[in-house]
Amino acid sequence: MSTSKADTTFDNELTKRREMVYAYLESQDYRQRLTPPDIRDAVYSYIRMGGKTLRPAVLLLSCGAVGGDEKRALPAAAAVEVYHTWTLVHDDIIDRDTKRRGAPTVHEEWARKALRLGYDPVDANHYGLSIAILAGDIQHSWAISLLSELYTGMHVAAPLVVRLIQRLQTYVIRNLVDGETLDIQFSQSPIDTLSEEAILRMLWGKTGVLYEYAAQAGAMIGLETEDTNHPFIEALTQFATKCGIAFQLQDDILGIIGDESVLGKPVGSDLREGKRTTIVHYAFQSANKDQKGTMLSVLGNRSATLKQIEEATAVLRSLGGIDHTRDLARKLIEQGKSHLEVLPPSLHKGLLLSWANYMVEREF
């Protein structure tokens, strides 16, 4: 990452908003309402670790970019962060991941705890999965409760708050689950039966739709309107949609060539899980028989060795899969940024442009 003055300013502004969101979450009395302790600790597990808070950041910046007061949108930013957290907890179960941000995933941590308490391995694994599912359910409901605080705490108009809740609970979750389901199904589908367009549509559902919602919600709160066709809201919606897909493309790249110590999860796990990324799809189209064999030897093979992963990665590099996906992500970012031209100049608009660049320049 560059250390220019602009980058430093963005990092400082992102940190400021991250602290605002987590201070708000910690200030609530929600923790005291949760029992038993295993559920309480599981609900706060990833929150205690802290995240990049890119979704809350785009919500707050979108609010400011249309002339709104970021502080009024803070409950919504906190809600988006908690909502994102439950999707991570459940996604880790689906992907059978054991690490998140360098620490055990929720289901893994509580399975280990159960083993220490004397559970047999099968029951311990089931206990870990059960706690993670229930913790995710609690986080989901907490997110909706936080959105209601826009009305009770920030005096945002009730119809607008209801609209935001409805959109999250119908449009967002439907598309998110659609994307997650397709991701699972694609991992069992022959690569040559999929199109890049289908993969990008899946990525939008998995990741882009929540970014879209964050920007849209922030702008709606800032403008105090339910009209999603407002030109500023439409611009920010399109901006975040494209940047959200680009974020996932960068994630796919880092999952193959990133630094494991920085990522906090094993590099190559996406290959072992059989993820049908644009990287694999593009490389497979021009691969010869031996190269296809090398890729297929690791895709969906949870027992693939580090050497096999390295060989497959080398093939993906040589066939241009990684470069193609990087170019695709950058193209989406530029398309997204072009939508912001309708917005008047402001500090918030400048920070949104920096936020967009960060989506594809980050290393974790």
Foldseek 3Di string as FASTA:
>chain_A
DDPDPLLVVLVVLLVVLQVLLLVVVVPDPVLVVDDDPLLSCLLCVVVVVGDSLLLLLLLLLLLVLLPADSVLCSLLSNLLVLLVVLLVLVVCVVLVFQWAQQHGRQLNVQLVVVVVVPDPNVVSSVRSNVSSNVSSVVSNVVSLVSLVCSCVPVVQDPVLSVLLSVCCVPVLVVLQVVLVVVQLVVLVDDLVVDDQVVNLSSQLSNWQSSSLSSSLSSNCSSVSHPDCPDLSNVLSSLLSNLLRSLLVLLVVLCLQPADCVRRSGDRLSQQLCSGNHQLCSQLVVPDDPVLVVLSVVRRVNVPDDPVSSVSNSVSSVVSCSSVVSLVSSVVSNVVSLVSCPVGDDDPSNSSSNVSSVCSNPDRD
